[in-house]
């Protein structure tokens, strides 16, 4: 199993718009070999920074399945408008990938 995660710091007042972007996206993840599931998680608010932490994560059968997706037309289509919401974010997303070492 492989978990691919992106962390986003969303500027105060943009939380609803950020969530709407994800709710209304045209996802083709289910078409990709090895894809298992997707979740968008809302984390704590950082009062000092004026941001809310979010994490998106996908679960794949293998790291290679994830890599194949990142090289696909589906990936390019899913990310083609990523730069249009710049005021929404406090910095770039932070990617983290994890390979399962113990299951169950």
PDB file of N, CA and C in Angstrom:
ATOM      1  N   UNK A   1       0.845  -1.177   0.000  1.00  0.00           N
ATOM      2  CA  UNK A   1       0.000   0.000   0.000  1.00  0.00           C
ATOM      3  C   UNK A   1       0.888   1.237   0.000  1.00  0.00           C
ATOM      4  N   UNK A   2       0.421   2.279  -0.681  1.00  0.00           N
ATOM      5  CA  UNK A   2       1.131   3.553  -0.724  1.00  0.00           C
ATOM      6  C   UNK A   2       0.125   4.670  -0.451  1.00  0.00           C
ATOM      7  N   UNK A   3       0.504   5.598   0.426  1.00  0.00           N
ATOM      8  CA  UNK A   3      -0.325   6.758   0.739  1.00  0.00           C
ATOM      9  C   UNK A   3       0.392   8.001   0.229  1.00  0.00           C
ATOM     10  N   UNK A   4      -0.288   8.746  -0.634  1.00  0.00           N
ATOM     11  CA  UNK A   4       0.238  10.009  -1.162  1.00  0.00           C
ATOM     12  C   UNK A   4      -0.563  11.134  -0.527  1.00  0.00           C
ATOM     13  N   UNK A   5       0.144  12.061   0.124  1.00  0.00           N
ATOM     14  CA  UNK A   5      -0.538  13.107   0.884  1.00  0.00           C
ATOM     15  C   UNK A   5       0.022  14.482   0.525  1.00  0.00           C
ATOM     16  N   UNK A   6      -0.874  15.440   0.404  1.00  0.00           N
ATOM     17  CA  UNK A   6      -0.488  16.842   0.254  1.00  0.00           C
ATOM     18  C   UNK A   6      -1.094  17.628   1.403  1.00  0.00           C
ATOM     19  N   UNK A   7      -0.269  18.472   2.013  1.00  0.00           N
ATOM     20  CA  UNK A   7      -0.747  19.365   3.072  1.00  0.00           C
ATOM     21  C   UNK A   7      -0.875  20.769   2.488  1.00  0.00           C
ATOM     22  N   UNK A   8      -1.971  21.421   2.820  1.00  0.00           N
ATOM     23  CA  UNK A   8      -2.251  22.766   2.342  1.00  0.00           C
ATOM     24  C   UNK A   8      -2.509  23.678   3.533  1.00  0.00           C
ATOM     25  N   UNK A   9      -1.903  24.846   3.534  1.00  0.00           N
ATOM     26  CA  UNK A   9      -2.235  25.883   4.514  1.00  0.00           C
ATOM     27  C   UNK A   9      -3.118  26.882   3.773  1.00  0.00           C
ATOM     28  N   UNK A  10      -4.381  26.962   4.202  1.00  0.00           N
ATOM     29  CA  UNK A  10      -5.376  27.790   3.529  1.00  0.00           C
ATOM     30  C   UNK A  10      -5.586  29.059   4.340  1.00  0.00           C
ATOM     31  N   UNK A  11      -5.513  30.186   3.648  1.00  0.00           N
ATOM     32  CA  UNK A  11      -5.670  31.481   4.314  1.00  0.00           C
ATOM     33  C   UNK A  11      -7.072  31.655   4.875  1.00  0.00           C
ATOM     34  N   UNK A  12      -7.130  32.334   6.028  1.00  0.00           N
ATOM     35  CA  UNK A  12      -8.395  32.613   6.697  1.00  0.00           C
ATOM     36  C   UNK A  12      -9.396  33.230   5.717  1.00  0.00           C
ATOM     37  N   UNK A  13     -10.620  32.738   5.778  1.00  0.00           N
ATOM     38  CA  UNK A  13     -11.684  33.251   4.927  1.00  0.00           C
ATOM     39  C   UNK A  13     -11.804  32.524   3.594  1.00  0.00           C
ATOM     40  N   UNK A  14     -10.855  31.647   3.286  1.00  0.00           N
ATOM     41  CA  UNK A  14     -10.881  30.913   2.013  1.00  0.00           C
ATOM     42  C   UNK A  14     -11.228  29.435   2.200  1.00  0.00           C
ATOM     43  N   UNK A  15     -11.548  29.037   3.411  1.00  0.00           N
ATOM     44  CA  UNK A  15     -11.798  27.628   3.686  1.00  0.00           C
ATOM     45  C   UNK A  15     -12.961  27.061   2.862  1.00  0.00           C
ATOM     46  N   UNK A  16     -14.080  27.769   2.827  1.00  0.00           N
ATOM     47  CA  UNK A  16     -15.235  27.267   2.072  1.00  0.00           C
ATOM     48  C   UNK A  16     -14.921  27.153   0.586  1.00  0.00           C
ATOM     49  N   UNK A  17     -14.240  28.152   0.044  1.00  0.00           N
ATOM     50  CA  UNK A  17     -13.883  28.120  -1.378  1.00  0.00           C
ATOM     51  C   UNK A  17     -12.928  26.965  -1.667  1.00  0.00           C
ATOM     52  N   UNK A  18     -11.975  26.734  -0.776  1.00  0.00           N
ATOM     53  CA  UNK A  18     -11.031  25.626  -0.937  1.00  0.00           C
ATOM     54  C   UNK A  18     -11.780  24.293  -0.948  1.00  0.00           C
ATOM     55  N   UNK A  19     -12.669  24.112   0.003  1.00  0.00           N
ATOM     56  CA  UNK A  19     -13.440  22.866   0.069  1.00  0.00           C
ATOM     57  C   UNK A  19     -14.313  22.699  -1.174  1.00  0.00           C
ATOM     58  N   UNK A  20     -14.881  23.801  -1.672  1.00  0.00           N
ATOM     59  CA  UNK A  20     -15.703  23.735  -2.889  1.00  0.00           C
ATOM     60  C   UNK A  20     -14.893  23.312  -4.109  1.00  0.00           C
ATOM     61  N   UNK A  21     -13.641  23.778  -4.199  1.00  0.00           N
ATOM     62  CA  UNK A  21     -12.773  23.365  -5.304  1.00  0.00           C
ATOM     63  C   UNK A  21     -12.666  21.849  -5.322  1.00  0.00           C
ATOM     64  N   UNK A  22     -12.479  21.253  -4.165  1.00  0.00           N
ATOM     65  CA  UNK A  22     -12.326  19.795  -4.082  1.00  0.00           C
ATOM     66  C   UNK A  22     -13.652  19.081  -4.306  1.00  0.00           C
ATOM     67  N   UNK A  23     -14.739  19.640  -3.757  1.00  0.00           N
ATOM     68  CA  UNK A  23     -16.052  18.998  -3.933  1.00  0.00           C
ATOM     69  C   UNK A  23     -16.485  18.993  -5.394  1.00  0.00           C
ATOM     70  N   UNK A  24     -16.121  20.034  -6.117  1.00  0.00           N
ATOM     71  CA  UNK A  24     -16.607  20.216  -7.492  1.00  0.00           C
ATOM     72  C   UNK A  24     -15.597  19.808  -8.553  1.00  0.00           C
ATOM     73  N   UNK A  25     -14.495  19.209  -8.142  1.00  0.00           N
ATOM     74  CA  UNK A  25     -13.476  18.842  -9.119  1.00  0.00           C
ATOM     75  C   UNK A  25     -13.968  17.681  -9.983  1.00  0.00           C
ATOM     76  N   UNK A  26     -13.424  17.618 -11.173  1.00  0.00           N
ATOM     77  CA  UNK A  26     -13.732  16.523 -12.085  1.00  0.00           C
ATOM     78  C   UNK A  26     -12.645  15.472 -11.921  1.00  0.00           C
ATOM     79  N   UNK A  27     -12.847  14.544 -11.007  1.00  0.00           N
ATOM     80  CA  UNK A  27     -11.825  13.563 -10.680  1.00  0.00           C
ATOM     81  C   UNK A  27     -11.950  12.324 -11.558  1.00  0.00           C
ATOM     82  N   UNK A  28     -10.814  11.851 -12.007  1.00  0.00           N
ATOM     83  CA  UNK A  28     -10.778  10.598 -12.763  1.00  0.00           C
ATOM     84  C   UNK A  28      -9.885   9.581 -12.053  1.00  0.00           C
ATOM     85  N   UNK A  29      -9.673   9.787 -10.758  1.00  0.00           N
ATOM     86  CA  UNK A  29      -8.819   8.876  -9.998  1.00  0.00           C
ATOM     87  C   UNK A  29      -9.315   7.436 -10.067  1.00  0.00           C
ATOM     88  N   UNK A  30     -10.612   7.251 -10.004  1.00  0.00           N
ATOM     89  CA  UNK A  30     -11.175   5.894  -9.987  1.00  0.00           C
ATOM     90  C   UNK A  30     -10.841   5.113 -11.259  1.00  0.00           C
ATOM     91  N   UNK A  31     -10.480   5.827 -12.323  1.00  0.00           N
ATOM     92  CA  UNK A  31     -10.120   5.173 -13.576  1.00  0.00           C
ATOM     93  C   UNK A  31      -8.688   4.639 -13.563  1.00  0.00           C
ATOM     94  N   UNK A  32      -7.901   5.040 -12.590  1.00  0.00           N
ATOM     95  CA  UNK A  32      -6.477   4.709 -12.576  1.00  0.00           C
ATOM     96  C   UNK A  32      -6.219   3.357 -11.918  1.00  0.00           C
ATOM     97  N   UNK A  33      -5.400   2.517 -12.555  1.00  0.00           N
ATOM     98  CA  UNK A  33      -5.037   1.232 -11.948  1.00  0.00           C
ATOM     99  C   UNK A  33      -4.373   1.426 -10.590  1.00  0.00           C
ATOM    100  N   UNK A  34      -4.806   0.659  -9.611  1.00  0.00           N
ATOM    101  CA  UNK A  34      -4.205   0.687  -8.289  1.00  0.00           C
ATOM    102  C   UNK A  34      -4.791   1.711  -7.339  1.00  0.00           C
ATOM    103  N   UNK A  35      -5.682   2.594  -7.816  1.00  0.00           N
ATOM    104  CA  UNK A  35      -6.284   3.603  -6.935  1.00  0.00           C
ATOM    105  C   UNK A  35      -7.274   2.926  -5.993  1.00  0.00           C
ATOM    106  N   UNK A  36      -7.208   3.277  -4.716  1.00  0.00           N
ATOM    107  CA  UNK A  36      -8.106   2.711  -3.705  1.00  0.00           C
ATOM    108  C   UNK A  36      -9.094   3.735  -3.143  1.00  0.00           C
ATOM    109  N   UNK A  37      -8.580   4.889  -2.675  1.00  0.00           N
ATOM    110  CA  UNK A  37      -9.489   5.863  -2.071  1.00  0.00           C
ATOM    111  C   UNK A  37      -8.847   7.241  -1.993  1.00  0.00           C
ATOM    112  N   UNK A  38      -9.704   8.231  -1.801  1.00  0.00           N
ATOM    113  CA  UNK A  38      -9.293   9.628  -1.652  1.00  0.00           C
ATOM    114  C   UNK A  38     -10.036  10.219  -0.459  1.00  0.00           C
ATOM    115  N   UNK A  39      -9.355  11.070   0.284  1.00  0.00           N
ATOM    116  CA  UNK A  39      -9.990  11.834   1.364  1.00  0.00           C
ATOM    117  C   UNK A  39      -9.386  13.223   1.419  1.00  0.00           C
ATOM    118  N   UNK A  40     -10.228  14.209   1.733  1.00  0.00           N
ATOM    119  CA  UNK A  40      -9.765  15.555   2.054  1.00  0.00           C
ATOM    120  C   UNK A  40     -10.053  15.757   3.528  1.00  0.00           C
ATOM    121  N   UNK A  41      -9.025  16.079   4.285  1.00  0.00           N
ATOM    122  CA  UNK A  41      -9.137  16.211   5.732  1.00  0.00           C
ATOM    123  C   UNK A  41      -8.899  17.660   6.156  1.00  0.00           C
ATOM    124  N   UNK A  42      -9.701  18.123   7.091  1.00  0.00           N
ATOM    125  CA  UNK A  42      -9.533  19.469   7.634  1.00  0.00           C
ATOM    126  C   UNK A  42      -8.896  19.356   9.004  1.00  0.00           C
ATOM    127  N   UNK A  43      -7.797  20.071   9.185  1.00  0.00           N
ATOM    128  CA  UNK A  43      -7.063  20.005  10.440  1.00  0.00           C
ATOM    129  C   UNK A  43      -7.247  21.257  11.276  1.00  0.00           C
ATOM    130  N   UNK A  44      -6.280  21.518  12.145  1.00  0.00           N
ATOM    131  CA  UNK A  44      -6.393  22.647  13.073  1.00  0.00           C
ATOM    132  C   UNK A  44      -6.180  23.999  12.404  1.00  0.00           C
ATOM    133  N   UNK A  45      -6.732  24.988  13.046  1.00  0.00           N
ATOM    134  CA  UNK A  45      -6.546  26.379  12.635  1.00  0.00           C
ATOM    135  C   UNK A  45      -5.343  26.935  13.395  1.00  0.00           C
ATOM    136  N   UNK A  46      -4.487  27.649  12.696  1.00  0.00           N
ATOM    137  CA  UNK A  46      -3.345  28.319  13.315  1.00  0.00           C
ATOM    138  C   UNK A  46      -3.712  29.793  13.438  1.00  0.00           C
ATOM    139  N   UNK A  47      -4.122  30.191  14.619  1.00  0.00           N
ATOM    140  CA  UNK A  47      -4.588  31.564  14.844  1.00  0.00           C
ATOM    141  C   UNK A  47      -3.493  32.588  14.538  1.00  0.00           C
ATOM    142  N   UNK A  48      -2.258  32.284  14.923  1.00  0.00           N
ATOM    143  CA  UNK A  48      -1.157  33.221  14.708  1.00  0.00           C
ATOM    144  C   UNK A  48      -0.868  33.436  13.231  1.00  0.00           C
ATOM    145  N   UNK A  49      -0.924  32.379  12.450  1.00  0.00           N
ATOM    146  CA  UNK A  49      -0.627  32.475  11.015  1.00  0.00           C
ATOM    147  C   UNK A  49      -1.860  32.858  10.195  1.00  0.00           C
ATOM    148  N   UNK A  50      -3.050  32.713  10.779  1.00  0.00           N
ATOM    149  CA  UNK A  50      -4.273  33.007  10.043  1.00  0.00           C
ATOM    150  C   UNK A  50      -4.556  31.985   8.951  1.00  0.00           C
ATOM    151  N   UNK A  51      -4.254  30.712   9.244  1.00  0.00           N
ATOM    152  CA  UNK A  51      -4.451  29.646   8.262  1.00  0.00           C
ATOM    153  C   UNK A  51      -5.131  28.439   8.900  1.00  0.00           C
ATOM    154  N   UNK A  52      -5.688  27.600   8.019  1.00  0.00           N
ATOM    155  CA  UNK A  52      -6.240  26.314   8.420  1.00  0.00           C
ATOM    156  C   UNK A  52      -5.486  25.239   7.651  1.00  0.00           C
ATOM    157  N   UNK A  53      -5.110  24.180   8.335  1.00  0.00           N
ATOM    158  CA  UNK A  53      -4.392  23.075   7.711  1.00  0.00           C
ATOM    159  C   UNK A  53      -5.379  22.085   7.107  1.00  0.00           C
ATOM    160  N   UNK A  54      -5.118  21.698   5.863  1.00  0.00           N
ATOM    161  CA  UNK A  54      -5.872  20.633   5.193  1.00  0.00           C
ATOM    162  C   UNK A  54      -4.873  19.611   4.685  1.00  0.00           C
ATOM    163  N   UNK A  55      -5.337  18.379   4.527  1.00  0.00           N
ATOM    164  CA  UNK A  55      -4.517  17.341   3.898  1.00  0.00           C
ATOM    165  C   UNK A  55      -5.402  16.551   2.946  1.00  0.00           C
ATOM    166  N   UNK A  56      -4.911  16.368   1.737  1.00  0.00           N
ATOM    167  CA  UNK A  56      -5.573  15.452   0.816  1.00  0.00           C
ATOM    168  C   UNK A  56      -4.715  14.197   0.786  1.00  0.00           C
ATOM    169  N   UNK A  57      -5.363  13.042   0.749  1.00  0.00           N
ATOM    170  CA  UNK A  57      -4.546  11.844   0.602  1.00  0.00           C
ATOM    171  C   UNK A  57      -5.268  10.804  -0.234  1.00  0.00           C
ATOM    172  N   UNK A  58      -4.456  10.117  -1.003  1.00  0.00           N
ATOM    173  CA  UNK A  58      -4.946   9.019  -1.810  1.00  0.00           C
ATOM    174  C   UNK A  58      -4.235   7.752  -1.361  1.00  0.00           C
ATOM    175  N   UNK A  59      -4.937   6.650  -1.462  1.00  0.00           N
ATOM    176  CA  UNK A  59      -4.362   5.348  -1.139  1.00  0.00           C
ATOM    177  C   UNK A  59      -4.308   4.540  -2.425  1.00  0.00           C
ATOM    178  N   UNK A  60      -3.142   3.949  -2.651  1.00  0.00           N
ATOM    179  CA  UNK A  60      -2.856   3.186  -3.868  1.00  0.00           C
ATOM    180  C   UNK A  60      -2.379   1.792  -3.509  1.00  0.00           C
ATOM    181  N   UNK A  61      -2.498   0.868  -4.449  1.00  0.00           N
ATOM    182  CA  UNK A  61      -1.944  -0.471  -4.249  1.00  0.00           C
ATOM    183  C   UNK A  61      -0.431  -0.416  -4.097  1.00  0.00           C
ATOM    184  N   UNK A  62       0.214   0.492  -4.864  1.00  0.00           N
ATOM    185  CA  UNK A  62       1.675   0.551  -4.838  1.00  0.00           C
ATOM    186  C   UNK A  62       2.152   1.963  -5.157  1.00  0.00           C
ATOM    187  N   UNK A  63       3.394   2.227  -4.809  1.00  0.00           N
ATOM    188  CA  UNK A  63       4.003   3.511  -5.156  1.00  0.00           C
ATOM    189  C   UNK A  63       4.073   3.664  -6.673  1.00  0.00           C
ATOM    190  N   UNK A  64       4.312   2.578  -7.390  1.00  0.00           N
ATOM    191  CA  UNK A  64       4.381   2.649  -8.845  1.00  0.00           C
ATOM    192  C   UNK A  64       3.045   3.068  -9.440  1.00  0.00           C
ATOM    193  N   UNK A  65       1.926   2.590  -8.866  1.00  0.00           N
ATOM    194  CA  UNK A  65       0.609   3.033  -9.340  1.00  0.00           C
ATOM    195  C   UNK A  65       0.465   4.548  -9.210  1.00  0.00           C
ATOM    196  N   UNK A  66       0.937   5.092  -8.080  1.00  0.00           N
ATOM    197  CA  UNK A  66       0.884   6.536  -7.877  1.00  0.00           C
ATOM    198  C   UNK A  66       1.769   7.259  -8.893  1.00  0.00           C
ATOM    199  N   UNK A  67       2.980   6.791  -9.082  1.00  0.00           N
ATOM    200  CA  UNK A  67       3.893   7.411 -10.047  1.00  0.00           C
ATOM    201  C   UNK A  67       3.284   7.394 -11.440  1.00  0.00           C
ATOM    202  N   UNK A  68       2.681   6.268 -11.811  1.00  0.00           N
ATOM    203  CA  UNK A  68       2.032   6.169 -13.119  1.00  0.00           C
ATOM    204  C   UNK A  68       0.938   7.224 -13.258  1.00  0.00           C
ATOM    205  N   UNK A  69       0.181   7.460 -12.185  1.00  0.00           N
ATOM    206  CA  UNK A  69      -0.855   8.485 -12.236  1.00  0.00           C
ATOM    207  C   UNK A  69      -0.238   9.865 -12.446  1.00  0.00           C
ATOM    208  N   UNK A  70       0.869  10.162 -11.756  1.00  0.00           N
ATOM    209  CA  UNK A  70       1.481  11.489 -11.889  1.00  0.00           C
ATOM    210  C   UNK A  70       2.022  11.738 -13.291  1.00  0.00           C
ATOM    211  N   UNK A  71       2.188  10.689 -14.061  1.00  0.00           N
ATOM    212  CA  UNK A  71       2.679  10.819 -15.435  1.00  0.00           C
ATOM    213  C   UNK A  71       1.564  10.708 -16.468  1.00  0.00           C
ATOM    214  N   UNK A  72       0.328  10.652 -16.000  1.00  0.00           N
ATOM    215  CA  UNK A  72      -0.808  10.412 -16.888  1.00  0.00           C
ATOM    216  C   UNK A  72      -1.476  11.706 -17.354  1.00  0.00           C
ATOM    217  N   UNK A  73      -2.243  11.565 -18.404  1.00  0.00           N
ATOM    218  CA  UNK A  73      -3.077  12.676 -18.895  1.00  0.00           C
ATOM    219  C   UNK A  73      -4.117  13.048 -17.837  1.00  0.00           C
ATOM    220  N   UNK A  74      -4.623  12.064 -17.107  1.00  0.00           N
ATOM    221  CA  UNK A  74      -5.590  12.331 -16.032  1.00  0.00           C
ATOM    222  C   UNK A  74      -4.997  13.277 -14.989  1.00  0.00           C
ATOM    223  N   UNK A  75      -3.736  13.069 -14.632  1.00  0.00           N
ATOM    224  CA  UNK A  75      -3.057  13.935 -13.666  1.00  0.00           C
ATOM    225  C   UNK A  75      -2.941  15.355 -14.222  1.00  0.00           C
ATOM    226  N   UNK A  76      -2.506  15.483 -15.468  1.00  0.00           N
ATOM    227  CA  UNK A  76      -2.361  16.813 -16.078  1.00  0.00           C
ATOM    228  C   UNK A  76      -3.702  17.538 -16.111  1.00  0.00           C
ATOM    229  N   UNK A  77      -4.761  16.832 -16.452  1.00  0.00           N
ATOM    230  CA  UNK A  77      -6.089  17.446 -16.482  1.00  0.00           C
ATOM    231  C   UNK A  77      -6.554  17.857 -15.091  1.00  0.00           C
ATOM    232  N   UNK A  78      -6.251  17.044 -14.098  1.00  0.00           N
ATOM    233  CA  UNK A  78      -6.677  17.334 -12.725  1.00  0.00           C
ATOM    234  C   UNK A  78      -5.970  18.560 -12.150  1.00  0.00           C
ATOM    235  N   UNK A  79      -4.775  18.887 -12.658  1.00  0.00           N
ATOM    236  CA  UNK A  79      -3.978  19.966 -12.086  1.00  0.00           C
ATOM    237  C   UNK A  79      -3.828  21.177 -13.000  1.00  0.00           C
ATOM    238  N   UNK A  80      -4.527  21.192 -14.116  1.00  0.00           N
ATOM    239  CA  UNK A  80      -4.323  22.264 -15.091  1.00  0.00           C
ATOM    240  C   UNK A  80      -4.751  23.641 -14.590  1.00  0.00           C
ATOM    241  N   UNK A  81      -5.665  23.715 -13.632  1.00  0.00           N
ATOM    242  CA  UNK A  81      -6.115  25.009 -13.109  1.00  0.00           C
ATOM    243  C   UNK A  81      -5.594  25.284 -11.701  1.00  0.00           C
ATOM    244  N   UNK A  82      -4.580  24.556 -11.292  1.00  0.00           N
ATOM    245  CA  UNK A  82      -4.089  24.654  -9.910  1.00  0.00           C
ATOM    246  C   UNK A  82      -3.595  26.057  -9.552  1.00  0.00           C
ATOM    247  N   UNK A  83      -3.088  26.808 -10.500  1.00  0.00           N
ATOM    248  CA  UNK A  83      -2.538  28.120 -10.203  1.00  0.00           C
ATOM    249  C   UNK A  83      -3.553  29.247 -10.149  1.00  0.00           C
ATOM    250  N   UNK A  84      -4.824  28.954 -10.370  1.00  0.00           N
ATOM    251  CA  UNK A  84      -5.825  30.020 -10.434  1.00  0.00           C
ATOM    252  C   UNK A  84      -6.336  30.468  -9.067  1.00  0.00           C
ATOM    253  N   UNK A  85      -5.976  29.780  -8.002  1.00  0.00           N
ATOM    254  CA  UNK A  85      -6.471  30.108  -6.661  1.00  0.00           C
ATOM    255  C   UNK A  85      -5.352  30.521  -5.716  1.00  0.00           C
ATOM    256  N   UNK A  86      -4.374  31.254  -6.216  1.00  0.00           N
ATOM    257  CA  UNK A  86      -3.174  31.562  -5.433  1.00  0.00           C
ATOM    258  C   UNK A  86      -3.453  32.294  -4.127  1.00  0.00           C
ATOM    259  N   UNK A  87      -4.392  33.217  -4.081  1.00  0.00           N
ATOM    260  CA  UNK A  87      -4.681  33.949  -2.847  1.00  0.00           C
ATOM    261  C   UNK A  87      -5.254  33.075  -1.754  1.00  0.00           C
ATOM    262  N   UNK A  88      -5.655  31.891  -2.139  1.00  0.00           N
ATOM    263  CA  UNK A  88      -6.268  30.948  -1.209  1.00  0.00           C
ATOM    264  C   UNK A  88      -5.227  30.302  -0.293  1.00  0.00           C
ATOM    265  N   UNK A  89      -4.006  30.169  -0.778  1.00  0.00           N
ATOM    266  CA  UNK A  89      -2.988  29.378  -0.099  1.00  0.00           C
ATOM    267  C   UNK A  89      -1.912  30.239   0.570  1.00  0.00           C
ATOM    268  N   UNK A  90      -1.420  29.748   1.700  1.00  0.00           N
ATOM    269  CA  UNK A  90      -0.269  30.348   2.360  1.00  0.00           C
ATOM    270  C   UNK A  90       0.933  29.462   2.012  1.00  0.00           C
ATOM    271  N   UNK A  91       1.463  29.626   0.823  1.00  0.00           N
ATOM    272  CA  UNK A  91       2.582  28.807   0.377  1.00  0.00           C
ATOM    273  C   UNK A  91       2.156  27.656  -0.497  1.00  0.00           C
ATOM    274  N   UNK A  92       3.136  26.878  -0.933  1.00  0.00           N
ATOM    275  CA  UNK A  92       2.896  25.737  -1.795  1.00  0.00           C
ATOM    276  C   UNK A  92       2.462  24.525  -0.982  1.00  0.00           C
ATOM    277  N   UNK A  93       1.707  23.608  -1.600  1.00  0.00           N
ATOM    278  CA  UNK A  93       1.382  22.365  -0.895  1.00  0.00           C
ATOM    279  C   UNK A  93       2.660  21.594  -0.571  1.00  0.00           C
ATOM    280  N   UNK A  94       2.596  20.835   0.495  1.00  0.00           N
ATOM    281  CA  UNK A  94       3.732  20.007   0.906  1.00  0.00           C
ATOM    282  C   UNK A  94       3.367  18.547   0.664  1.00  0.00           C
ATOM    283  N   UNK A  95       4.113  17.881  -0.215  1.00  0.00           N
ATOM    284  CA  UNK A  95       3.854  16.479  -0.535  1.00  0.00           C
ATOM    285  C   UNK A  95       4.591  15.546   0.422  1.00  0.00           C
ATOM    286  N   UNK A  96       3.920  14.464   0.792  1.00  0.00           N
ATOM    287  CA  UNK A  96       4.526  13.399   1.583  1.00  0.00           C
ATOM    288  C   UNK A  96       4.017  12.077   1.047  1.00  0.00           C
ATOM    289  N   UNK A  97       4.910  11.119   0.829  1.00  0.00           N
ATOM    290  CA  UNK A  97       4.521   9.798   0.363  1.00  0.00           C
ATOM    291  C   UNK A  97       4.970   8.740   1.356  1.00  0.00           C
ATOM    292  N   UNK A  98       4.124   7.744   1.584  1.00  0.00           N
ATOM    293  CA  UNK A  98       4.397   6.731   2.575  1.00  0.00           C
ATOM    294  C   UNK A  98       4.151   5.333   2.011  1.00  0.00           C
ATOM    295  N   UNK A  99       5.092   4.432   2.203  1.00  0.00           N
ATOM    296  CA  UNK A  99       4.941   3.033   1.850  1.00  0.00           C
ATOM    297  C   UNK A  99       4.578   2.272   3.124  1.00  0.00           C
ATOM    298  N   UNK A 100       3.537   1.446   3.058  1.00  0.00           N
ATOM    299  CA  UNK A 100       3.129   0.660   4.227  1.00  0.00           C
ATOM    300  C   UNK A 100       4.184  -0.381   4.575  1.00  0.00           C
ATOM    301  N   UNK A 101       4.539  -0.448   5.835  1.00  0.00           N
ATOM    302  CA  UNK A 101       5.475  -1.462   6.294  1.00  0.00           C
ATOM    303  C   UNK A 101       4.782  -2.499   7.175  1.00  0.00           C
ATOM    304  N   UNK A 102       3.626  -2.135   7.765  1.00  0.00           N
ATOM    305  CA  UNK A 102       2.811  -3.056   8.549  1.00  0.00           C
ATOM    306  C   UNK A 102       1.366  -2.795   8.174  1.00  0.00           C
ATOM    307  N   UNK A 103       0.643  -3.828   7.797  1.00  0.00           N
ATOM    308  CA  UNK A 103      -0.786  -3.712   7.500  1.00  0.00           C
ATOM    309  C   UNK A 103      -1.572  -4.512   8.521  1.00  0.00           C
ATOM    310  N   UNK A 104      -2.778  -3.995   8.827  1.00  0.00           N
ATOM    311  CA  UNK A 104      -3.681  -4.757   9.696  1.00  0.00           C
ATOM    312  C   UNK A 104      -3.358  -4.547  11.076  1.00  0.00           C
TER     313      UNK A 104
END
